[in-house]
Amino acid sequence: MTRALQLAGWSLFAVLACGVVHTMVHAQEAEEAEKAREIVDVMHEAHLAPEGGTSLRDRVLSGKATAKERNQLLDMYISLTENEPPRGKLEDFQKKTNAVVLAAAKVVVGRKGAEAELRKATTCAACHKDHKPPQQ
């Protein structure tokens, strides 16, 4: 009987250990998902088209994006507001990124004319002129 109790105890310990490891891994993944993306990551993920494809921004602007993709783009743009610009004034950067977030949110909720507002707010030159660091 003691051997059976030892086996049961070790089995319970193994299950608990696996549970703890599983919880830690998922907590780390959730923490990474909650971190703000870096500006360069947003630019690449949202504005660069995969080979032979269309960028996420362009799919949203054309109305061909899924609800999940529209929300994903909004989340990326929110991340922009959580960063500091590599150059230029923070206040100017925040004003521009807040306009981008507002326009993307309007697209998500289906406001009329929101795509045109988003297109204007995400014109590359609007931010790059003042905030993009020089190419090295």
C-alpha atoms as a PDB file:
ATOM      1  CA  MET A   1       0.000   0.000   0.000  1.00  0.00           C
ATOM      2  CA  THR A   2       2.826   2.428   0.730  1.00  0.00           C
ATOM      3  CA  ARG A   3       4.246   1.794  -2.745  1.00  0.00           C
ATOM      4  CA  ALA A   4       0.874   2.700  -4.262  1.00  0.00           C
ATOM      5  CA  LEU A   5       0.754   5.886  -2.144  1.00  0.00           C
ATOM      6  CA  GLN A   6       4.289   6.836  -3.247  1.00  0.00           C
ATOM      7  CA  LEU A   7       3.361   6.299  -6.870  1.00  0.00           C
ATOM      8  CA  ALA A   8       0.202   8.377  -6.432  1.00  0.00           C
ATOM      9  CA  GLY A   9       2.187  11.114  -4.697  1.00  0.00           C
ATOM     10  CA  TRP A  10       4.798  11.278  -7.457  1.00  0.00           C
ATOM     11  CA  SER A  11       2.077  11.279 -10.083  1.00  0.00           C
ATOM     12  CA  LEU A  12       0.341  14.176  -8.348  1.00  0.00           C
ATOM     13  CA  PHE A  13       3.664  16.020  -8.103  1.00  0.00           C
ATOM     14  CA  ALA A  14       4.318  15.504 -11.846  1.00  0.00           C
ATOM     15  CA  VAL A  15       0.860  16.784 -12.768  1.00  0.00           C
ATOM     16  CA  LEU A  16       1.272  19.869 -10.576  1.00  0.00           C
ATOM     17  CA  ALA A  17       4.750  20.554 -11.974  1.00  0.00           C
ATOM     18  CA  CYS A  18       3.426  20.331 -15.531  1.00  0.00           C
ATOM     19  CA  GLY A  19       0.594  22.669 -14.601  1.00  0.00           C
ATOM     20  CA  VAL A  20       2.978  25.242 -13.165  1.00  0.00           C
ATOM     21  CA  VAL A  21       5.227  25.120 -16.232  1.00  0.00           C
ATOM     22  CA  HIS A  22       2.197  25.373 -18.526  1.00  0.00           C
ATOM     23  CA  THR A  23       0.901  28.410 -16.616  1.00  0.00           C
ATOM     24  CA  MET A  24       4.302  30.116 -16.704  1.00  0.00           C
ATOM     25  CA  VAL A  25       4.649  29.609 -20.452  1.00  0.00           C
ATOM     26  CA  HIS A  26       1.181  31.004 -21.158  1.00  0.00           C
ATOM     27  CA  ALA A  27       1.754  33.949 -18.816  1.00  0.00           C
ATOM     28  CA  GLN A  28       4.974  34.799 -20.679  1.00  0.00           C
ATOM     29  CA  GLU A  29       3.223  34.536 -24.054  1.00  0.00           C
ATOM     30  CA  ALA A  30       0.414  36.791 -22.829  1.00  0.00           C
ATOM     31  CA  GLU A  31       2.935  39.312 -21.506  1.00  0.00           C
ATOM     32  CA  GLU A  32       4.757  39.380 -24.839  1.00  0.00           C
ATOM     33  CA  ALA A  33       1.456  39.840 -26.679  1.00  0.00           C
ATOM     34  CA  GLU A  34       0.608  42.819 -24.453  1.00  0.00           C
ATOM     35  CA  LYS A  35       3.906  44.609 -25.097  1.00  0.00           C
ATOM     36  CA  ALA A  36       3.812  47.496 -27.483  1.00  0.00           C
ATOM     37  CA  ARG A  37       5.324  46.703 -30.825  1.00  0.00           C
ATOM     38  CA  GLU A  38       8.304  48.778 -31.831  1.00  0.00           C
ATOM     39  CA  ILE A  39       7.687  51.399 -34.510  1.00  0.00           C
ATOM     40  CA  VAL A  40       9.759  49.532 -37.082  1.00  0.00           C
ATOM     41  CA  ASP A  41       7.790  46.326 -36.411  1.00  0.00           C
ATOM     42  CA  VAL A  42       4.478  48.124 -36.971  1.00  0.00           C
ATOM     43  CA  MET A  43       5.756  49.631 -40.205  1.00  0.00           C
ATOM     44  CA  HIS A  44       6.867  46.240 -41.507  1.00  0.00           C
ATOM     45  CA  GLU A  45       3.834  44.256 -40.345  1.00  0.00           C
ATOM     46  CA  ALA A  46       1.208  46.806 -41.358  1.00  0.00           C
ATOM     47  CA  HIS A  47       2.632  48.576 -44.390  1.00  0.00           C
ATOM     48  CA  LEU A  48       4.895  46.152 -46.223  1.00  0.00           C
ATOM     49  CA  ALA A  49       3.182  43.710 -48.517  1.00  0.00           C
ATOM     50  CA  PRO A  50       4.264  40.097 -48.436  1.00  0.00           C
ATOM     51  CA  GLU A  51       5.732  38.941 -51.709  1.00  0.00           C
ATOM     52  CA  GLY A  52       2.916  38.779 -54.235  1.00  0.00           C
ATOM     53  CA  GLY A  53       0.386  40.036 -51.701  1.00  0.00           C
ATOM     54  CA  THR A  54      -1.192  43.144 -50.307  1.00  0.00           C
ATOM     55  CA  SER A  55      -0.200  44.942 -47.113  1.00  0.00           C
ATOM     56  CA  LEU A  56      -2.515  44.780 -44.126  1.00  0.00           C
ATOM     57  CA  ARG A  57      -3.118  48.531 -44.370  1.00  0.00           C
ATOM     58  CA  ASP A  58      -4.048  48.253 -48.041  1.00  0.00           C
ATOM     59  CA  ARG A  59      -6.429  45.348 -47.375  1.00  0.00           C
ATOM     60  CA  VAL A  60      -8.152  47.416 -44.688  1.00  0.00           C
ATOM     61  CA  LEU A  61      -8.328  50.499 -46.921  1.00  0.00           C
ATOM     62  CA  SER A  62      -9.812  48.491 -49.787  1.00  0.00           C
ATOM     63  CA  GLY A  63     -12.487  46.988 -47.546  1.00  0.00           C
ATOM     64  CA  LYS A  64     -11.187  43.455 -48.172  1.00  0.00           C
ATOM     65  CA  ALA A  65      -9.843  42.893 -44.648  1.00  0.00           C
ATOM     66  CA  THR A  66     -11.574  40.649 -42.147  1.00  0.00           C
ATOM     67  CA  ALA A  67     -12.783  42.012 -38.818  1.00  0.00           C
ATOM     68  CA  LYS A  68      -9.808  40.311 -37.187  1.00  0.00           C
ATOM     69  CA  GLU A  69      -7.392  42.046 -39.581  1.00  0.00           C
ATOM     70  CA  ARG A  70      -9.008  45.446 -38.956  1.00  0.00           C
ATOM     71  CA  ASN A  71      -8.637  44.930 -35.201  1.00  0.00           C
ATOM     72  CA  GLN A  72      -5.054  43.747 -35.687  1.00  0.00           C
ATOM     73  CA  LEU A  73      -4.207  46.934 -37.586  1.00  0.00           C
ATOM     74  CA  LEU A  74      -5.844  49.055 -34.876  1.00  0.00           C
ATOM     75  CA  ASP A  75      -3.793  47.249 -32.226  1.00  0.00           C
ATOM     76  CA  MET A  76      -0.605  47.889 -34.186  1.00  0.00           C
ATOM     77  CA  TYR A  77      -1.411  51.563 -34.485  1.00  0.00           C
ATOM     78  CA  ILE A  78      -2.144  51.770 -30.757  1.00  0.00           C
ATOM     79  CA  SER A  79       1.367  50.408 -30.235  1.00  0.00           C
ATOM     80  CA  LEU A  80       2.718  53.391 -32.147  1.00  0.00           C
ATOM     81  CA  THR A  81       1.323  55.738 -29.501  1.00  0.00           C
ATOM     82  CA  GLU A  82       3.168  53.783 -26.812  1.00  0.00           C
ATOM     83  CA  ASN A  83       6.552  54.516 -28.381  1.00  0.00           C
ATOM     84  CA  GLU A  84       8.729  57.581 -28.502  1.00  0.00           C
ATOM     85  CA  PRO A  85       9.793  58.901 -31.893  1.00  0.00           C
ATOM     86  CA  PRO A  86      13.406  58.295 -32.918  1.00  0.00           C
ATOM     87  CA  ARG A  87      13.629  62.016 -33.706  1.00  0.00           C
ATOM     88  CA  GLY A  88      11.381  65.042 -33.581  1.00  0.00           C
ATOM     89  CA  LYS A  89       9.063  66.291 -30.867  1.00  0.00           C
ATOM     90  CA  LEU A  90       7.107  63.753 -28.819  1.00  0.00           C
ATOM     91  CA  GLU A  91       4.017  65.995 -28.832  1.00  0.00           C
ATOM     92  CA  ASP A  92       3.986  66.117 -32.645  1.00  0.00           C
ATOM     93  CA  PHE A  93       4.444  62.353 -32.853  1.00  0.00           C
ATOM     94  CA  GLN A  94       1.607  61.748 -30.408  1.00  0.00           C
ATOM     95  CA  LYS A  95      -0.693  64.069 -32.333  1.00  0.00           C
ATOM     96  CA  LYS A  96      -0.031  62.153 -35.560  1.00  0.00           C
ATOM     97  CA  THR A  97      -0.258  58.687 -34.039  1.00  0.00           C
ATOM     98  CA  ASN A  98      -3.444  59.570 -32.159  1.00  0.00           C
ATOM     99  CA  ALA A  99      -5.007  60.636 -35.472  1.00  0.00           C
ATOM    100  CA  VAL A 100      -3.988  57.285 -36.972  1.00  0.00           C
ATOM    101  CA  VAL A 101      -5.526  55.376 -34.051  1.00  0.00           C
ATOM    102  CA  LEU A 102      -8.752  57.361 -34.219  1.00  0.00           C
ATOM    103  CA  ALA A 103      -9.067  56.780 -37.961  1.00  0.00           C
ATOM    104  CA  ALA A 104      -8.357  53.038 -37.571  1.00  0.00           C
ATOM    105  CA  ALA A 105     -10.937  52.805 -34.772  1.00  0.00           C
ATOM    106  CA  LYS A 106     -13.514  54.446 -37.029  1.00  0.00           C
ATOM    107  CA  VAL A 107     -12.775  51.819 -39.682  1.00  0.00           C
ATOM    108  CA  VAL A 108     -13.207  49.036 -37.123  1.00  0.00           C
ATOM    109  CA  VAL A 109     -16.644  50.303 -36.058  1.00  0.00           C
ATOM    110  CA  GLY A 110     -17.708  50.949 -39.652  1.00  0.00           C
ATOM    111  CA  ARG A 111     -17.971  54.744 -39.787  1.00  0.00           C
ATOM    112  CA  LYS A 112     -18.722  56.173 -43.209  1.00  0.00           C
ATOM    113  CA  GLY A 113     -15.642  57.710 -44.850  1.00  0.00           C
ATOM    114  CA  ALA A 114     -13.293  56.176 -42.296  1.00  0.00           C
ATOM    115  CA  GLU A 115     -11.096  54.504 -44.923  1.00  0.00           C
ATOM    116  CA  ALA A 116     -10.345  57.863 -46.556  1.00  0.00           C
ATOM    117  CA  GLU A 117      -9.508  59.341 -43.163  1.00  0.00           C
ATOM    118  CA  LEU A 118      -7.200  56.393 -42.426  1.00  0.00           C
ATOM    119  CA  ARG A 119      -5.516  56.723 -45.831  1.00  0.00           C
ATOM    120  CA  LYS A 120      -4.782  60.404 -45.129  1.00  0.00           C
ATOM    121  CA  ALA A 121      -3.570  59.739 -41.570  1.00  0.00           C
ATOM    122  CA  THR A 122      -1.224  56.956 -42.680  1.00  0.00           C
ATOM    123  CA  THR A 123       0.466  58.792 -45.517  1.00  0.00           C
ATOM    124  CA  CYS A 124       4.112  57.849 -45.013  1.00  0.00           C
ATOM    125  CA  ALA A 125       5.553  61.302 -45.627  1.00  0.00           C
ATOM    126  CA  ALA A 126       3.379  62.783 -42.877  1.00  0.00           C
ATOM    127  CA  CYS A 127       5.461  61.086 -40.180  1.00  0.00           C
ATOM    128  CA  HIS A 128       8.679  60.124 -41.930  1.00  0.00           C
ATOM    129  CA  LYS A 129       9.601  63.733 -42.708  1.00  0.00           C
ATOM    130  CA  ASP A 130       9.631  64.664 -39.019  1.00  0.00           C
ATOM    131  CA  HIS A 131      10.243  61.432 -37.114  1.00  0.00           C
ATOM    132  CA  LYS A 132      12.015  58.754 -39.143  1.00  0.00           C
ATOM    133  CA  PRO A 133      15.719  58.536 -38.373  1.00  0.00           C
ATOM    134  CA  PRO A 134      18.134  59.009 -41.267  1.00  0.00           C
ATOM    135  CA  GLN A 135      19.041  55.820 -43.145  1.00  0.00           C
ATOM    136  CA  GLN A 136      22.448  54.499 -42.267  1.00  0.00           C
END
